[in-house]
């Protein structure tokens, strides 16, 4: 991004994207996660590469309605939703925010 100069002052536009999602429903994310380190075949690696190449950035505070949920083989929570006319899947954390963890005991 190119900075804009206004009256001698530097003005920056900051665009923040916290998470990315994969195009497809929640089963797409589940398949991706479950096979990430398990299936190293050329077909699987090609599909995983395509999914990563076509991922989408999620703008902060974008309104979404969750349509589906799933749990990965390792216990991760996934959701799917529509964003700009596309079905997107991501970790539940992308929509609901991070799960609070207890603070360490002093």
C-alpha atoms as a PDB file:
ATOM      1  CA  UNK A   1       0.000   0.000   0.000  1.00  0.00           C
ATOM      2  CA  UNK A   2       1.355   3.397  -0.944  1.00  0.00           C
ATOM      3  CA  UNK A   3       1.247   6.068   1.788  1.00  0.00           C
ATOM      4  CA  UNK A   4      -0.625   9.279   1.005  1.00  0.00           C
ATOM      5  CA  UNK A   5       0.872  12.683   1.771  1.00  0.00           C
ATOM      6  CA  UNK A   6      -1.427  15.473   2.914  1.00  0.00           C
ATOM      7  CA  UNK A   7      -0.129  18.951   3.766  1.00  0.00           C
ATOM      8  CA  UNK A   8       3.303  17.622   4.637  1.00  0.00           C
ATOM      9  CA  UNK A   9       1.937  14.979   7.020  1.00  0.00           C
ATOM     10  CA  UNK A  10       2.100  11.282   6.328  1.00  0.00           C
ATOM     11  CA  UNK A  11      -1.366   9.680   6.271  1.00  0.00           C
ATOM     12  CA  UNK A  12      -1.603   5.897   6.310  1.00  0.00           C
ATOM     13  CA  UNK A  13      -4.553   3.664   5.703  1.00  0.00           C
ATOM     14  CA  UNK A  14      -4.410   0.523   7.797  1.00  0.00           C
ATOM     15  CA  UNK A  15      -6.337  -2.550   6.715  1.00  0.00           C
ATOM     16  CA  UNK A  16      -6.366  -5.393   9.227  1.00  0.00           C
ATOM     17  CA  UNK A  17      -7.375  -8.972   8.479  1.00  0.00           C
ATOM     18  CA  UNK A  18      -7.153 -11.351  11.401  1.00  0.00           C
ATOM     19  CA  UNK A  19      -8.041 -14.722   9.903  1.00  0.00           C
ATOM     20  CA  UNK A  20      -8.319 -16.382   6.546  1.00  0.00           C
ATOM     21  CA  UNK A  21     -10.909 -18.893   5.491  1.00  0.00           C
ATOM     22  CA  UNK A  22     -11.063 -21.517   2.796  1.00  0.00           C
ATOM     23  CA  UNK A  23     -13.680 -21.399   0.072  1.00  0.00           C
ATOM     24  CA  UNK A  24     -16.210 -24.170   0.674  1.00  0.00           C
ATOM     25  CA  UNK A  25     -18.435 -25.509   3.397  1.00  0.00           C
ATOM     26  CA  UNK A  26     -17.377 -26.805   6.784  1.00  0.00           C
ATOM     27  CA  UNK A  27     -16.689 -30.278   5.373  1.00  0.00           C
ATOM     28  CA  UNK A  28     -14.016 -28.701   3.143  1.00  0.00           C
ATOM     29  CA  UNK A  29     -12.179 -27.359   6.193  1.00  0.00           C
ATOM     30  CA  UNK A  30     -12.626 -30.653   8.039  1.00  0.00           C
ATOM     31  CA  UNK A  31     -11.180 -32.597   5.096  1.00  0.00           C
ATOM     32  CA  UNK A  32      -8.291 -30.129   4.821  1.00  0.00           C
ATOM     33  CA  UNK A  33      -7.438 -30.301   8.520  1.00  0.00           C
ATOM     34  CA  UNK A  34      -7.876 -34.067   8.850  1.00  0.00           C
ATOM     35  CA  UNK A  35      -5.649 -34.767   5.827  1.00  0.00           C
ATOM     36  CA  UNK A  36      -3.057 -32.038   6.259  1.00  0.00           C
ATOM     37  CA  UNK A  37      -0.371 -34.367   7.579  1.00  0.00           C
ATOM     38  CA  UNK A  38      -2.032 -37.721   6.936  1.00  0.00           C
ATOM     39  CA  UNK A  39      -2.418 -37.990   3.153  1.00  0.00           C
ATOM     40  CA  UNK A  40       0.616 -36.987   1.090  1.00  0.00           C
ATOM     41  CA  UNK A  41      -0.678 -38.221  -2.272  1.00  0.00           C
ATOM     42  CA  UNK A  42      -0.291 -35.935  -5.278  1.00  0.00           C
ATOM     43  CA  UNK A  43      -4.080 -35.549  -5.597  1.00  0.00           C
ATOM     44  CA  UNK A  44      -4.521 -34.532  -1.961  1.00  0.00           C
ATOM     45  CA  UNK A  45      -1.582 -32.148  -2.009  1.00  0.00           C
ATOM     46  CA  UNK A  46      -2.889 -30.565  -5.218  1.00  0.00           C
ATOM     47  CA  UNK A  47      -6.333 -30.024  -3.677  1.00  0.00           C
ATOM     48  CA  UNK A  48      -4.821 -28.574  -0.476  1.00  0.00           C
ATOM     49  CA  UNK A  49      -2.682 -26.197  -2.545  1.00  0.00           C
ATOM     50  CA  UNK A  50      -5.738 -25.082  -4.532  1.00  0.00           C
ATOM     51  CA  UNK A  51      -7.670 -24.425  -1.317  1.00  0.00           C
ATOM     52  CA  UNK A  52      -4.818 -22.372   0.128  1.00  0.00           C
ATOM     53  CA  UNK A  53      -4.344 -20.427  -3.096  1.00  0.00           C
ATOM     54  CA  UNK A  54      -8.043 -19.492  -3.165  1.00  0.00           C
ATOM     55  CA  UNK A  55      -8.394 -18.617   0.532  1.00  0.00           C
ATOM     56  CA  UNK A  56     -10.151 -15.412   1.487  1.00  0.00           C
ATOM     57  CA  UNK A  57      -9.302 -12.778   4.086  1.00  0.00           C
ATOM     58  CA  UNK A  58     -11.997 -12.090   6.640  1.00  0.00           C
ATOM     59  CA  UNK A  59     -12.472  -8.398   7.404  1.00  0.00           C
ATOM     60  CA  UNK A  60     -12.769  -7.659  11.126  1.00  0.00           C
ATOM     61  CA  UNK A  61     -16.341  -7.351  12.435  1.00  0.00           C
ATOM     62  CA  UNK A  62     -17.865  -8.528   9.138  1.00  0.00           C
ATOM     63  CA  UNK A  63     -21.434  -9.702   9.820  1.00  0.00           C
ATOM     64  CA  UNK A  64     -21.800 -13.415   9.125  1.00  0.00           C
ATOM     65  CA  UNK A  65     -24.398 -16.091   9.825  1.00  0.00           C
ATOM     66  CA  UNK A  66     -23.035 -19.519  10.644  1.00  0.00           C
ATOM     67  CA  UNK A  67     -24.677 -22.241   8.544  1.00  0.00           C
ATOM     68  CA  UNK A  68     -22.692 -25.335   9.501  1.00  0.00           C
ATOM     69  CA  UNK A  69     -20.316 -26.630  12.137  1.00  0.00           C
ATOM     70  CA  UNK A  70     -17.929 -29.579  12.398  1.00  0.00           C
ATOM     71  CA  UNK A  71     -15.154 -30.903  14.598  1.00  0.00           C
ATOM     72  CA  UNK A  72     -11.821 -32.081  13.195  1.00  0.00           C
ATOM     73  CA  UNK A  73     -10.284 -35.419  14.141  1.00  0.00           C
ATOM     74  CA  UNK A  74      -8.032 -33.497  16.537  1.00  0.00           C
ATOM     75  CA  UNK A  75     -10.958 -31.704  18.221  1.00  0.00           C
ATOM     76  CA  UNK A  76     -10.774 -28.340  16.440  1.00  0.00           C
ATOM     77  CA  UNK A  77     -14.053 -26.471  15.946  1.00  0.00           C
ATOM     78  CA  UNK A  78     -14.971 -25.352  12.414  1.00  0.00           C
ATOM     79  CA  UNK A  79     -17.784 -23.205  10.990  1.00  0.00           C
ATOM     80  CA  UNK A  80     -19.036 -22.215   7.561  1.00  0.00           C
ATOM     81  CA  UNK A  81     -20.807 -19.011   6.572  1.00  0.00           C
ATOM     82  CA  UNK A  82     -21.446 -16.735   3.595  1.00  0.00           C
ATOM     83  CA  UNK A  83     -19.233 -13.735   2.921  1.00  0.00           C
ATOM     84  CA  UNK A  84     -19.639 -11.592  -0.193  1.00  0.00           C
ATOM     85  CA  UNK A  85     -21.730 -14.302  -1.861  1.00  0.00           C
ATOM     86  CA  UNK A  86     -19.223 -17.121  -1.257  1.00  0.00           C
ATOM     87  CA  UNK A  87     -19.441 -20.001   1.198  1.00  0.00           C
ATOM     88  CA  UNK A  88     -16.384 -19.844   3.451  1.00  0.00           C
ATOM     89  CA  UNK A  89     -15.157 -22.241   6.131  1.00  0.00           C
ATOM     90  CA  UNK A  90     -12.769 -21.372   8.932  1.00  0.00           C
ATOM     91  CA  UNK A  91     -11.957 -22.167  12.505  1.00  0.00           C
ATOM     92  CA  UNK A  92     -14.718 -21.215  14.938  1.00  0.00           C
ATOM     93  CA  UNK A  93     -12.232 -18.770  16.453  1.00  0.00           C
ATOM     94  CA  UNK A  94     -12.403 -16.704  13.239  1.00  0.00           C
ATOM     95  CA  UNK A  95     -16.073 -15.951  13.917  1.00  0.00           C
ATOM     96  CA  UNK A  96     -16.447 -16.187  17.689  1.00  0.00           C
ATOM     97  CA  UNK A  97     -13.027 -14.911  18.749  1.00  0.00           C
ATOM     98  CA  UNK A  98     -10.369 -16.741  20.703  1.00  0.00           C
ATOM     99  CA  UNK A  99     -11.338 -19.028  23.544  1.00  0.00           C
ATOM    100  CA  UNK A 100     -10.115 -17.500  26.799  1.00  0.00           C
ATOM    101  CA  UNK A 101      -7.477 -19.543  28.536  1.00  0.00           C
ATOM    102  CA  UNK A 102      -6.919 -19.462  32.282  1.00  0.00           C
ATOM    103  CA  UNK A 103      -4.099 -17.273  33.447  1.00  0.00           C
ATOM    104  CA  UNK A 104      -1.125 -19.076  34.948  1.00  0.00           C
ATOM    105  CA  UNK A 105      -1.089 -19.437  38.716  1.00  0.00           C
ATOM    106  CA  UNK A 106       1.330 -17.055  40.442  1.00  0.00           C
END
